[in-house]
Amino acid sequence: MDKHFMERIVTAADLNDEPMPILPLIEIAGNTRVLIEHHCGVTQYGSCRICVRVRYGAVVISGSGLELTRMTGQQLIITGKIDGVQLERN
């Protein structure tokens, strides 16, 4: 689906506060859980650092005891002690 087409639909429907379905959505729950929707895969996995590829770069989660507790084609959940979440653009 064309990104510009989706942007026109969002604008026309006055949904500017809602994320577009093709863009990643990152939700942080306290310091123990990160949910990422619309990811493109995991590029680095360790108990202190997990890198997740997204459409425009990568999301890097750092902490301790990190685990990928759920992963589907659309979303993944990382749990553990989250110290930081960083967005790295291409």
C-alpha atoms as a PDB file:
ATOM      1  CA  MET A   1       0.000   0.000   0.000  1.00  0.00           C
ATOM      2  CA  ASP A   2       1.325   3.446  -0.951  1.00  0.00           C
ATOM      3  CA  LYS A   3       2.414   5.594   2.028  1.00  0.00           C
ATOM      4  CA  HIS A   4       1.118   8.801   0.427  1.00  0.00           C
ATOM      5  CA  PHE A   5      -2.261   7.165  -0.192  1.00  0.00           C
ATOM      6  CA  MET A   6      -2.485   6.195   3.488  1.00  0.00           C
ATOM      7  CA  GLU A   7      -1.508   9.731   4.546  1.00  0.00           C
ATOM      8  CA  ARG A   8      -4.317  11.170   2.387  1.00  0.00           C
ATOM      9  CA  ILE A   9      -6.817   8.767   3.968  1.00  0.00           C
ATOM     10  CA  VAL A  10      -5.690   9.707   7.496  1.00  0.00           C
ATOM     11  CA  THR A  11      -5.933  13.422   6.671  1.00  0.00           C
ATOM     12  CA  ALA A  12      -9.327  13.087   4.988  1.00  0.00           C
ATOM     13  CA  ALA A  13     -10.730  11.083   7.899  1.00  0.00           C
ATOM     14  CA  ASP A  14      -9.269  13.557  10.413  1.00  0.00           C
ATOM     15  CA  LEU A  15      -7.277  10.796  12.129  1.00  0.00           C
ATOM     16  CA  ASN A  16      -4.039  12.750  12.516  1.00  0.00           C
ATOM     17  CA  ASP A  17      -3.684  11.708  16.174  1.00  0.00           C
ATOM     18  CA  GLU A  18      -3.791   8.018  15.260  1.00  0.00           C
ATOM     19  CA  PRO A  19      -0.702   6.200  13.960  1.00  0.00           C
ATOM     20  CA  MET A  20      -0.821   5.115  10.325  1.00  0.00           C
ATOM     21  CA  PRO A  21      -1.152   1.340   9.939  1.00  0.00           C
ATOM     22  CA  ILE A  22       2.119   1.049   7.993  1.00  0.00           C
ATOM     23  CA  LEU A  23       4.238   2.863  10.587  1.00  0.00           C
ATOM     24  CA  PRO A  24       5.734   1.173  13.637  1.00  0.00           C
ATOM     25  CA  LEU A  25       4.029   1.710  16.965  1.00  0.00           C
ATOM     26  CA  ILE A  26       6.214   1.510  20.070  1.00  0.00           C
ATOM     27  CA  GLU A  27       4.570   1.203  23.473  1.00  0.00           C
ATOM     28  CA  ILE A  28       6.580   1.278  26.699  1.00  0.00           C
ATOM     29  CA  ALA A  29       4.907  -0.061  29.843  1.00  0.00           C
ATOM     30  CA  GLY A  30       6.837   1.078  32.898  1.00  0.00           C
ATOM     31  CA  ASN A  31      10.410  -0.162  32.882  1.00  0.00           C
ATOM     32  CA  THR A  32       9.639  -3.837  32.271  1.00  0.00           C
ATOM     33  CA  ARG A  33       7.919  -4.176  28.873  1.00  0.00           C
ATOM     34  CA  VAL A  34       8.194  -2.817  25.314  1.00  0.00           C
ATOM     35  CA  LEU A  35       5.703  -3.630  22.553  1.00  0.00           C
ATOM     36  CA  ILE A  36       6.646  -2.909  18.941  1.00  0.00           C
ATOM     37  CA  GLU A  37       4.049  -3.291  16.187  1.00  0.00           C
ATOM     38  CA  HIS A  38       4.799  -3.352  12.448  1.00  0.00           C
ATOM     39  CA  HIS A  39       8.444  -4.405  12.897  1.00  0.00           C
ATOM     40  CA  CYS A  40      10.752  -5.792  10.196  1.00  0.00           C
ATOM     41  CA  GLY A  41      12.639  -8.330  12.312  1.00  0.00           C
ATOM     42  CA  VAL A  42      15.243  -8.592  15.046  1.00  0.00           C
ATOM     43  CA  THR A  43      18.831  -7.773  14.030  1.00  0.00           C
ATOM     44  CA  GLN A  44      20.583  -8.160  17.394  1.00  0.00           C
ATOM     45  CA  TYR A  45      19.523 -10.203  20.405  1.00  0.00           C
ATOM     46  CA  GLY A  46      21.137 -10.369  23.820  1.00  0.00           C
ATOM     47  CA  SER A  47      20.165 -10.062  27.469  1.00  0.00           C
ATOM     48  CA  CYS A  48      21.462  -6.456  27.587  1.00  0.00           C
ATOM     49  CA  ARG A  49      20.552  -5.179  24.111  1.00  0.00           C
ATOM     50  CA  ILE A  50      17.942  -6.005  21.481  1.00  0.00           C
ATOM     51  CA  CYS A  51      17.776  -4.241  18.100  1.00  0.00           C
ATOM     52  CA  VAL A  52      14.565  -4.347  16.089  1.00  0.00           C
ATOM     53  CA  ARG A  53      14.430  -3.190  12.485  1.00  0.00           C
ATOM     54  CA  VAL A  54      11.542  -0.860  11.593  1.00  0.00           C
ATOM     55  CA  ARG A  55      10.525   0.795   8.344  1.00  0.00           C
ATOM     56  CA  TYR A  56      12.766   3.856   8.769  1.00  0.00           C
ATOM     57  CA  GLY A  57      15.634   2.533  10.898  1.00  0.00           C
ATOM     58  CA  ALA A  58      15.938   0.585  14.127  1.00  0.00           C
ATOM     59  CA  VAL A  59      14.664   0.578  17.689  1.00  0.00           C
ATOM     60  CA  VAL A  60      17.349  -0.331  20.231  1.00  0.00           C
ATOM     61  CA  ILE A  61      16.233  -1.536  23.658  1.00  0.00           C
ATOM     62  CA  SER A  62      18.904  -1.649  26.374  1.00  0.00           C
ATOM     63  CA  GLY A  63      18.707  -2.987  29.886  1.00  0.00           C
ATOM     64  CA  SER A  64      19.269  -6.259  31.732  1.00  0.00           C
ATOM     65  CA  GLY A  65      17.551  -9.609  31.648  1.00  0.00           C
ATOM     66  CA  LEU A  66      15.953  -8.717  28.307  1.00  0.00           C
ATOM     67  CA  GLU A  67      13.898 -11.433  26.633  1.00  0.00           C
ATOM     68  CA  LEU A  68      11.840 -11.574  23.490  1.00  0.00           C
ATOM     69  CA  THR A  69       8.707 -13.040  25.040  1.00  0.00           C
ATOM     70  CA  ARG A  70       6.431 -12.858  22.009  1.00  0.00           C
ATOM     71  CA  MET A  71       7.013 -12.385  18.303  1.00  0.00           C
ATOM     72  CA  THR A  72       4.580 -12.548  15.422  1.00  0.00           C
ATOM     73  CA  GLY A  73       4.768 -11.076  11.942  1.00  0.00           C
ATOM     74  CA  GLN A  74       3.077  -7.920  13.220  1.00  0.00           C
ATOM     75  CA  GLN A  75       4.263  -7.417  16.792  1.00  0.00           C
ATOM     76  CA  LEU A  76       6.857  -8.335  19.333  1.00  0.00           C
ATOM     77  CA  ILE A  77       7.111  -7.952  23.086  1.00  0.00           C
ATOM     78  CA  ILE A  78      10.360  -7.497  24.984  1.00  0.00           C
ATOM     79  CA  THR A  79      10.441  -7.880  28.771  1.00  0.00           C
ATOM     80  CA  GLY A  80      13.109  -7.387  31.394  1.00  0.00           C
ATOM     81  CA  LYS A  81      14.578  -4.351  33.145  1.00  0.00           C
ATOM     82  CA  ILE A  82      14.367  -1.635  30.472  1.00  0.00           C
ATOM     83  CA  ASP A  83      16.976   1.116  30.862  1.00  0.00           C
ATOM     84  CA  GLY A  84      16.511   2.798  27.491  1.00  0.00           C
ATOM     85  CA  VAL A  85      14.682   2.774  24.177  1.00  0.00           C
ATOM     86  CA  GLN A  86      16.406   4.551  21.331  1.00  0.00           C
ATOM     87  CA  LEU A  87      15.314   5.246  17.753  1.00  0.00           C
ATOM     88  CA  GLU A  88      18.057   5.116  15.136  1.00  0.00           C
ATOM     89  CA  ARG A  89      16.975   6.506  11.766  1.00  0.00           C
ATOM     90  CA  ASN A  90      18.475   5.346   8.461  1.00  0.00           C
END
